Amino acid sequence: QVQLVESGGGLVQPGGSLSLSCASSGIIFSIYNMDWYRQAPGKQREFVASISSDGTTNAVYSVKGRFTISRDNAKNMVYLHMKSLKPEDTAVYYCHATYRSSSIYDYWGQGTQVTVSS
């Protein structure tokens, strides 16, 4: 059974920092591309950042320079380190795992709430 479990969300003031974690089980973590997505109230889920199986990273323009994605294959963990947080970063953050071969393997976590407010 595949599980992605996010943690680390919470309430933070504007300009503050927060780190999210995603623990995976039931998959060969090292071969999966890992992403973070977020969904704000009333909005569609949007891509935030990704890290491929070979460690290549990418991020949406609005978070570049503020958010850093990383992974620890030995611990089957992916992280999202967020700094200089803004109220518009408020959303539920989701961990996402994908692997494409002859089939597509695609899994989502349950999400963790991040609220940026004074």
C-alpha atoms as a PDB file:
ATOM      1  CA  GLN A   1       0.000   0.000   0.000  1.00  0.00           C
ATOM      2  CA  VAL A   2       1.426   3.319  -1.087  1.00  0.00           C
ATOM      3  CA  GLN A   3       1.371   6.157   1.408  1.00  0.00           C
ATOM      4  CA  LEU A   4       2.559   9.742   1.179  1.00  0.00           C
ATOM      5  CA  VAL A   5       2.219  11.568   4.479  1.00  0.00           C
ATOM      6  CA  GLU A   6       2.869  15.288   4.691  1.00  0.00           C
ATOM      7  CA  SER A   7       3.738  17.095   7.890  1.00  0.00           C
ATOM      8  CA  GLY A   8       5.080  20.432   9.045  1.00  0.00           C
ATOM      9  CA  GLY A   9       2.242  22.725   8.093  1.00  0.00           C
ATOM     10  CA  GLY A  10       0.925  25.394  10.402  1.00  0.00           C
ATOM     11  CA  LEU A  11       0.402  29.075  11.005  1.00  0.00           C
ATOM     12  CA  VAL A  12       3.285  31.431  10.291  1.00  0.00           C
ATOM     13  CA  GLN A  13       3.597  35.197  10.080  1.00  0.00           C
ATOM     14  CA  PRO A  14       4.407  36.935   6.809  1.00  0.00           C
ATOM     15  CA  GLY A  15       8.136  36.848   6.229  1.00  0.00           C
ATOM     16  CA  GLY A  16       8.505  33.705   8.279  1.00  0.00           C
ATOM     17  CA  SER A  17       9.767  30.256   7.388  1.00  0.00           C
ATOM     18  CA  LEU A  18       8.330  26.773   7.445  1.00  0.00           C
ATOM     19  CA  SER A  19       9.544  23.383   6.325  1.00  0.00           C
ATOM     20  CA  LEU A  20       7.262  20.659   5.055  1.00  0.00           C
ATOM     21  CA  SER A  21       8.110  16.974   4.987  1.00  0.00           C
ATOM     22  CA  CYS A  22       6.636  14.103   3.061  1.00  0.00           C
ATOM     23  CA  ALA A  23       7.269  10.543   4.169  1.00  0.00           C
ATOM     24  CA  SER A  24       6.710   7.857   1.581  1.00  0.00           C
ATOM     25  CA  SER A  25       6.171   4.138   1.894  1.00  0.00           C
ATOM     26  CA  GLY A  26       5.181   1.359  -0.438  1.00  0.00           C
ATOM     27  CA  ILE A  27       7.157   2.689  -3.403  1.00  0.00           C
ATOM     28  CA  ILE A  28      10.742   2.472  -4.614  1.00  0.00           C
ATOM     29  CA  PHE A  29      11.224   6.085  -3.649  1.00  0.00           C
ATOM     30  CA  SER A  30      14.506   6.697  -5.432  1.00  0.00           C
ATOM     31  CA  ILE A  31      13.054   6.144  -8.907  1.00  0.00           C
ATOM     32  CA  TYR A  32      10.117   8.492  -8.433  1.00  0.00           C
ATOM     33  CA  ASN A  33       9.918  12.116  -9.408  1.00  0.00           C
ATOM     34  CA  MET A  34       8.563  14.034  -6.433  1.00  0.00           C
ATOM     35  CA  ASP A  35       6.550  17.230  -6.495  1.00  0.00           C
ATOM     36  CA  TRP A  36       4.832  19.648  -4.198  1.00  0.00           C
ATOM     37  CA  TYR A  37       1.518  21.151  -5.245  1.00  0.00           C
ATOM     38  CA  ARG A  38      -0.750  23.541  -3.398  1.00  0.00           C
ATOM     39  CA  GLN A  39      -4.393  24.486  -3.460  1.00  0.00           C
ATOM     40  CA  ALA A  40      -5.730  27.717  -2.056  1.00  0.00           C
ATOM     41  CA  PRO A  41      -9.423  28.109  -1.178  1.00  0.00           C
ATOM     42  CA  GLY A  42     -11.493  28.547  -4.302  1.00  0.00           C
ATOM     43  CA  LYS A  43      -8.546  27.949  -6.602  1.00  0.00           C
ATOM     44  CA  GLN A  44      -7.240  25.064  -8.641  1.00  0.00           C
ATOM     45  CA  ARG A  45      -4.385  22.952  -7.408  1.00  0.00           C
ATOM     46  CA  GLU A  46      -1.126  24.341  -8.742  1.00  0.00           C
ATOM     47  CA  PHE A  47       2.399  23.068  -9.165  1.00  0.00           C
ATOM     48  CA  VAL A  48       4.938  24.459  -6.694  1.00  0.00           C
ATOM     49  CA  ALA A  49       8.204  22.574  -7.066  1.00  0.00           C
ATOM     50  CA  SER A  50       9.629  19.294  -8.280  1.00  0.00           C
ATOM     51  CA  ILE A  51      12.705  17.164  -7.831  1.00  0.00           C
ATOM     52  CA  SER A  52      13.431  14.364 -10.233  1.00  0.00           C
ATOM     53  CA  SER A  53      14.921  10.985  -9.445  1.00  0.00           C
ATOM     54  CA  ASP A  54      18.329  12.332 -10.467  1.00  0.00           C
ATOM     55  CA  GLY A  55      17.964  15.411  -8.255  1.00  0.00           C
ATOM     56  CA  THR A  56      17.057  17.990 -10.870  1.00  0.00           C
ATOM     57  CA  THR A  57      14.828  20.650  -9.360  1.00  0.00           C
ATOM     58  CA  ASN A  58      12.283  23.048 -10.741  1.00  0.00           C
ATOM     59  CA  ALA A  59       9.865  25.525  -9.196  1.00  0.00           C
ATOM     60  CA  VAL A  60       7.110  27.866 -10.204  1.00  0.00           C
ATOM     61  CA  TYR A  61       8.301  31.423 -10.728  1.00  0.00           C
ATOM     62  CA  SER A  62       6.341  32.813  -7.781  1.00  0.00           C
ATOM     63  CA  VAL A  63       8.355  30.757  -5.268  1.00  0.00           C
ATOM     64  CA  LYS A  64      11.794  30.746  -6.877  1.00  0.00           C
ATOM     65  CA  GLY A  65      14.377  32.065  -4.464  1.00  0.00           C
ATOM     66  CA  ARG A  66      12.048  31.483  -1.520  1.00  0.00           C
ATOM     67  CA  PHE A  67      11.203  27.757  -1.626  1.00  0.00           C
ATOM     68  CA  THR A  68      13.686  24.898  -1.877  1.00  0.00           C
ATOM     69  CA  ILE A  69      12.781  21.295  -2.594  1.00  0.00           C
ATOM     70  CA  SER A  70      15.065  18.468  -1.544  1.00  0.00           C
ATOM     71  CA  ARG A  71      14.955  14.733  -1.080  1.00  0.00           C
ATOM     72  CA  ASP A  72      16.616  12.087   1.035  1.00  0.00           C
ATOM     73  CA  ASN A  73      16.433   8.761  -0.756  1.00  0.00           C
ATOM     74  CA  ALA A  74      17.843   6.902   2.250  1.00  0.00           C
ATOM     75  CA  LYS A  75      14.906   8.094   4.359  1.00  0.00           C
ATOM     76  CA  ASN A  76      12.290   8.048   1.574  1.00  0.00           C
ATOM     77  CA  MET A  77      11.563  11.680   2.318  1.00  0.00           C
ATOM     78  CA  VAL A  78      10.998  14.819   0.303  1.00  0.00           C
ATOM     79  CA  TYR A  79      11.061  18.283   1.809  1.00  0.00           C
ATOM     80  CA  LEU A  80       9.906  21.769   0.962  1.00  0.00           C
ATOM     81  CA  HIS A  81      11.772  24.511   2.762  1.00  0.00           C
ATOM     82  CA  MET A  82       9.869  27.787   2.575  1.00  0.00           C
ATOM     83  CA  LYS A  83      11.113  31.230   3.575  1.00  0.00           C
ATOM     84  CA  SER A  84       9.920  34.798   3.145  1.00  0.00           C
ATOM     85  CA  LEU A  85       6.398  33.478   3.234  1.00  0.00           C
ATOM     86  CA  LYS A  86       3.578  35.645   1.944  1.00  0.00           C
ATOM     87  CA  PRO A  87      -0.155  35.555   2.647  1.00  0.00           C
ATOM     88  CA  GLU A  88      -0.673  34.346  -0.927  1.00  0.00           C
ATOM     89  CA  ASP A  89       1.310  31.206  -0.057  1.00  0.00           C
ATOM     90  CA  THR A  90      -1.591  30.146   2.156  1.00  0.00           C
ATOM     91  CA  ALA A  91      -2.880  26.830   0.850  1.00  0.00           C
ATOM     92  CA  VAL A  92      -3.063  23.132   1.446  1.00  0.00           C
ATOM     93  CA  TYR A  93       0.252  21.677   0.288  1.00  0.00           C
ATOM     94  CA  TYR A  94       0.296  18.238  -1.290  1.00  0.00           C
ATOM     95  CA  CYS A  95       3.095  15.782  -1.897  1.00  0.00           C
ATOM     96  CA  HIS A  96       2.984  13.983  -5.244  1.00  0.00           C
ATOM     97  CA  ALA A  97       4.963  11.041  -6.594  1.00  0.00           C
ATOM     98  CA  THR A  98       5.160   9.938 -10.216  1.00  0.00           C
ATOM     99  CA  TYR A  99       6.978   7.265 -12.139  1.00  0.00           C
ATOM    100  CA  ARG A 100       6.553   6.619 -15.824  1.00  0.00           C
ATOM    101  CA  SER A 101       7.547   3.449 -17.576  1.00  0.00           C
ATOM    102  CA  SER A 102       5.165   1.388 -19.679  1.00  0.00           C
ATOM    103  CA  SER A 103       2.573   2.524 -17.154  1.00  0.00           C
ATOM    104  CA  ILE A 104       2.137   5.696 -15.144  1.00  0.00           C
ATOM    105  CA  TYR A 105       2.326   5.450 -11.381  1.00  0.00           C
ATOM    106  CA  ASP A 106       0.870   8.512  -9.673  1.00  0.00           C
ATOM    107  CA  TYR A 107       0.244   9.034  -5.971  1.00  0.00           C
ATOM    108  CA  TRP A 108      -0.883  11.929  -3.770  1.00  0.00           C
ATOM    109  CA  GLY A 109      -0.663  12.668  -0.095  1.00  0.00           C
ATOM    110  CA  GLN A 110      -3.552  13.969   1.973  1.00  0.00           C
ATOM    111  CA  GLY A 111      -2.156  17.481   2.267  1.00  0.00           C
ATOM    112  CA  THR A 112      -1.000  19.777   5.036  1.00  0.00           C
ATOM    113  CA  GLN A 113      -2.343  23.267   5.698  1.00  0.00           C
ATOM    114  CA  VAL A 114      -0.022  26.256   5.535  1.00  0.00           C
ATOM    115  CA  THR A 115      -1.478  29.554   6.690  1.00  0.00           C
ATOM    116  CA  VAL A 116       0.499  32.778   6.384  1.00  0.00           C
ATOM    117  CA  SER A 117      -1.139  35.490   8.431  1.00  0.00           C
ATOM    118  CA  SER A 118      -0.356  38.092  11.036  1.00  0.00           C
END
